[in-house]
PDB file of N, CA and C in Angstrom:
ATOM      1  N   MET A   1     -26.854 -55.479  37.287  1.00  0.00           N
ATOM      2  CA  MET A   1     -27.677 -54.354  36.918  1.00  0.00           C
ATOM      3  C   MET A   1     -29.151 -54.758  36.850  1.00  0.00           C
ATOM      4  N   VAL A   2     -29.431 -55.983  36.475  1.00  0.00           N
ATOM      5  CA  VAL A   2     -30.816 -56.451  36.404  1.00  0.00           C
ATOM      6  C   VAL A   2     -31.476 -56.388  37.782  1.00  0.00           C
ATOM      7  N   LYS A   3     -30.703 -56.681  38.822  1.00  0.00           N
ATOM      8  CA  LYS A   3     -31.257 -56.632  40.184  1.00  0.00           C
ATOM      9  C   LYS A   3     -31.675 -55.210  40.551  1.00  0.00           C
ATOM     10  N   ILE A   4     -30.888 -54.226  40.131  1.00  0.00           N
ATOM     11  CA  ILE A   4     -31.227 -52.834  40.413  1.00  0.00           C
ATOM     12  C   ILE A   4     -32.522 -52.453  39.705  1.00  0.00           C
ATOM     13  N   VAL A   5     -32.637 -52.839  38.447  1.00  0.00           N
ATOM     14  CA  VAL A   5     -33.862 -52.552  37.693  1.00  0.00           C
ATOM     15  C   VAL A   5     -35.054 -53.229  38.354  1.00  0.00           C
ATOM     16  N   ALA A   6     -34.891 -54.465  38.779  1.00  0.00           N
ATOM     17  CA  ALA A   6     -35.975 -55.190  39.434  1.00  0.00           C
ATOM     18  C   ALA A   6     -36.393 -54.508  40.737  1.00  0.00           C
ATOM     19  N   LEU A   7     -35.426 -53.999  41.487  1.00  0.00           N
ATOM     20  CA  LEU A   7     -35.752 -53.293  42.727  1.00  0.00           C
ATOM     21  C   LEU A   7     -36.527 -52.010  42.442  1.00  0.00           C
ATOM     22  N   GLN A   8     -36.134 -51.292  41.422  1.00  0.00           N
ATOM     23  CA  GLN A   8     -36.825 -50.058  41.064  1.00  0.00           C
ATOM     24  C   GLN A   8     -38.258 -50.351  40.603  1.00  0.00           C
ATOM     25  N   ILE A   9     -38.421 -51.415  39.849  1.00  0.00           N
ATOM     26  CA  ILE A   9     -39.765 -51.796  39.397  1.00  0.00           C
ATOM     27  C   ILE A   9     -40.624 -52.213  40.586  1.00  0.00           C
ATOM     28  N   LYS A  10     -40.022 -52.897  41.551  1.00  0.00           N
ATOM     29  CA  LYS A  10     -40.753 -53.295  42.755  1.00  0.00           C
ATOM     30  C   LYS A  10     -41.228 -52.055  43.519  1.00  0.00           C
ATOM     31  N   ARG A  11     -40.365 -51.047  43.629  1.00  0.00           N
ATOM     32  CA  ARG A  11     -40.754 -49.807  44.309  1.00  0.00           C
ATOM     33  C   ARG A  11     -41.914 -49.138  43.572  1.00  0.00           C
ATOM     34  N   LEU A  12     -41.827 -49.102  42.255  1.00  0.00           N
ATOM     35  CA  LEU A  12     -42.902 -48.526  41.455  1.00  0.00           C
ATOM     36  C   LEU A  12     -44.191 -49.317  41.659  1.00  0.00           C
ATOM     37  N   ASP A  13     -44.074 -50.620  41.683  1.00  0.00           N
ATOM     38  CA  ASP A  13     -45.244 -51.481  41.874  1.00  0.00           C
ATOM     39  C   ASP A  13     -45.936 -51.179  43.200  1.00  0.00           C
ATOM     40  N   LEU A  14     -45.169 -50.962  44.256  1.00  0.00           N
ATOM     41  CA  LEU A  14     -45.748 -50.637  45.561  1.00  0.00           C
ATOM     42  C   LEU A  14     -46.463 -49.287  45.528  1.00  0.00           C
ATOM     43  N   ARG A  15     -45.867 -48.317  44.859  1.00  0.00           N
ATOM     44  CA  ARG A  15     -46.505 -47.005  44.748  1.00  0.00           C
ATOM     45  C   ARG A  15     -47.801 -47.085  43.946  1.00  0.00           C
ATOM     46  N   LEU A  16     -47.788 -47.872  42.894  1.00  0.00           N
ATOM     47  CA  LEU A  16     -48.992 -48.027  42.077  1.00  0.00           C
ATOM     48  C   LEU A  16     -50.093 -48.756  42.863  1.00  0.00           C
ATOM     49  N   ALA A  17     -49.708 -49.739  43.654  1.00  0.00           N
ATOM     50  CA  ALA A  17     -50.683 -50.513  44.429  1.00  0.00           C
ATOM     51  C   ALA A  17     -51.446 -49.614  45.403  1.00  0.00           C
ATOM     52  N   GLU A  18     -50.775 -48.578  45.907  1.00  0.00           N
ATOM     53  CA  GLU A  18     -51.461 -47.634  46.792  1.00  0.00           C
ATOM     54  C   GLU A  18     -52.614 -46.946  46.079  1.00  0.00           C
ATOM     55  N   ARG A  19     -52.513 -46.855  44.773  1.00  0.00           N
ATOM     56  CA  ARG A  19     -53.557 -46.216  43.960  1.00  0.00           C
ATOM     57  C   ARG A  19     -54.450 -47.239  43.255  1.00  0.00           C
ATOM     58  N   LYS A  20     -54.316 -48.493  43.710  1.00  0.00           N
ATOM     59  CA  LYS A  20     -55.077 -49.610  43.142  1.00  0.00           C
ATOM     60  C   LYS A  20     -54.799 -49.803  41.646  1.00  0.00           C
ATOM     61  N   LEU A  21     -53.535 -49.651  41.284  1.00  0.00           N
ATOM     62  CA  LEU A  21     -53.065 -49.896  39.922  1.00  0.00           C
ATOM     63  C   LEU A  21     -52.038 -51.015  39.978  1.00  0.00           C
ATOM     64  N   TRP A  22     -51.937 -51.794  38.902  1.00  0.00           N
ATOM     65  CA  TRP A  22     -51.008 -52.904  38.865  1.00  0.00           C
ATOM     66  C   TRP A  22     -50.179 -52.838  37.605  1.00  0.00           C
ATOM     67  N   LEU A  23     -48.959 -53.328  37.724  1.00  0.00           N
ATOM     68  CA  LEU A  23     -48.013 -53.351  36.619  1.00  0.00           C
ATOM     69  C   LEU A  23     -47.440 -54.759  36.531  1.00  0.00           C
ATOM     70  N   THR A  24     -47.483 -55.327  35.352  1.00  0.00           N
ATOM     71  CA  THR A  24     -46.903 -56.644  35.141  1.00  0.00           C
ATOM     72  C   THR A  24     -45.679 -56.491  34.245  1.00  0.00           C
ATOM     73  N   VAL A  25     -44.541 -56.954  34.744  1.00  0.00           N
ATOM     74  CA  VAL A  25     -43.284 -56.818  34.017  1.00  0.00           C
ATOM     75  C   VAL A  25     -42.607 -58.183  33.990  1.00  0.00           C
ATOM     76  N   ASP A  26     -42.209 -58.620  32.804  1.00  0.00           N
ATOM     77  CA  ASP A  26     -41.504 -59.899  32.730  1.00  0.00           C
ATOM     78  C   ASP A  26     -39.989 -59.662  32.755  1.00  0.00           C
ATOM     79  N   ASP A  27     -39.234 -60.745  32.798  1.00  0.00           N
ATOM     80  CA  ASP A  27     -37.782 -60.647  32.928  1.00  0.00           C
ATOM     81  C   ASP A  27     -37.135 -59.900  31.766  1.00  0.00           C
ATOM     82  N   SER A  28     -37.658 -60.076  30.558  1.00  0.00           N
ATOM     83  CA  SER A  28     -37.051 -59.401  29.412  1.00  0.00           C
ATOM     84  C   SER A  28     -37.199 -57.882  29.515  1.00  0.00           C
ATOM     85  N   ALA A  29     -38.255 -57.410  30.163  1.00  0.00           N
ATOM     86  CA  ALA A  29     -38.433 -55.973  30.353  1.00  0.00           C
ATOM     87  C   ALA A  29     -37.404 -55.428  31.336  1.00  0.00           C
ATOM     88  N   CYS A  30     -36.959 -56.227  32.266  1.00  0.00           N
ATOM     89  CA  CYS A  30     -35.913 -55.810  33.211  1.00  0.00           C
ATOM     90  C   CYS A  30     -34.541 -55.821  32.550  1.00  0.00           C
ATOM     91  N   GLU A  31     -34.357 -56.678  31.590  1.00  0.00           N
ATOM     92  CA  GLU A  31     -33.053 -56.811  30.950  1.00  0.00           C
ATOM     93  C   GLU A  31     -32.732 -55.641  30.031  1.00  0.00           C
ATOM     94  N   LEU A  32     -33.722 -55.074  29.366  1.00  0.00           N
ATOM     95  CA  LEU A  32     -33.461 -53.992  28.420  1.00  0.00           C
ATOM     96  C   LEU A  32     -32.788 -52.786  29.072  1.00  0.00           C
ATOM     97  N   PRO A  33     -33.336 -52.215  30.146  1.00  0.00           N
ATOM     98  CA  PRO A  33     -32.648 -51.083  30.769  1.00  0.00           C
ATOM     99  C   PRO A  33     -31.284 -51.487  31.337  1.00  0.00           C
ATOM    100  N   ALA A  34     -31.172 -52.709  31.815  1.00  0.00           N
ATOM    101  CA  ALA A  34     -29.891 -53.177  32.352  1.00  0.00           C
ATOM    102  C   ALA A  34     -28.848 -53.256  31.252  1.00  0.00           C
ATOM    103  N   GLU A  35     -29.243 -53.674  30.066  1.00  0.00           N
ATOM    104  CA  GLU A  35     -28.306 -53.788  28.944  1.00  0.00           C
ATOM    105  C   GLU A  35     -27.918 -52.429  28.388  1.00  0.00           C
ATOM    106  N   THR A  36     -28.893 -51.517  28.269  1.00  0.00           N
ATOM    107  CA  THR A  36     -28.597 -50.213  27.685  1.00  0.00           C
ATOM    108  C   THR A  36     -27.901 -49.311  28.682  1.00  0.00           C
ATOM    109  N   GLY A  37     -28.131 -49.525  29.985  1.00  0.00           N
ATOM    110  CA  GLY A  37     -27.425 -48.781  31.014  1.00  0.00           C
ATOM    111  C   GLY A  37     -27.852 -47.348  31.127  1.00  0.00           C
ATOM    112  N   TYR A  38     -27.072 -46.611  31.886  1.00  0.00           N
ATOM    113  CA  TYR A  38     -27.359 -45.208  32.156  1.00  0.00           C
ATOM    114  C   TYR A  38     -26.307 -44.357  31.459  1.00  0.00           C
ATOM    115  N   ASP A  39     -26.760 -43.403  30.679  1.00  0.00           N
ATOM    116  CA  ASP A  39     -25.863 -42.482  29.999  1.00  0.00           C
ATOM    117  C   ASP A  39     -26.322 -41.069  30.309  1.00  0.00           C
ATOM    118  N   PRO A  40     -25.605 -40.334  31.144  1.00  0.00           N
ATOM    119  CA  PRO A  40     -26.055 -39.013  31.550  1.00  0.00           C
ATOM    120  C   PRO A  40     -26.030 -37.971  30.430  1.00  0.00           C
ATOM    121  N   GLN A  41     -25.458 -38.302  29.299  1.00  0.00           N
ATOM    122  CA  GLN A  41     -25.367 -37.319  28.212  1.00  0.00           C
ATOM    123  C   GLN A  41     -26.344 -37.555  27.129  1.00  0.00           C
TER     124      GLN A  41
END
């Protein structure tokens, strides 16, 4: 799941770069969404 979060952050980073914005995310920031997961309810 961490790999999926990392891929999504990479996509966001590319979109932000087009607008000359940068995002710095460390490994622990990727782990939180991976641990909590997705709950549609």
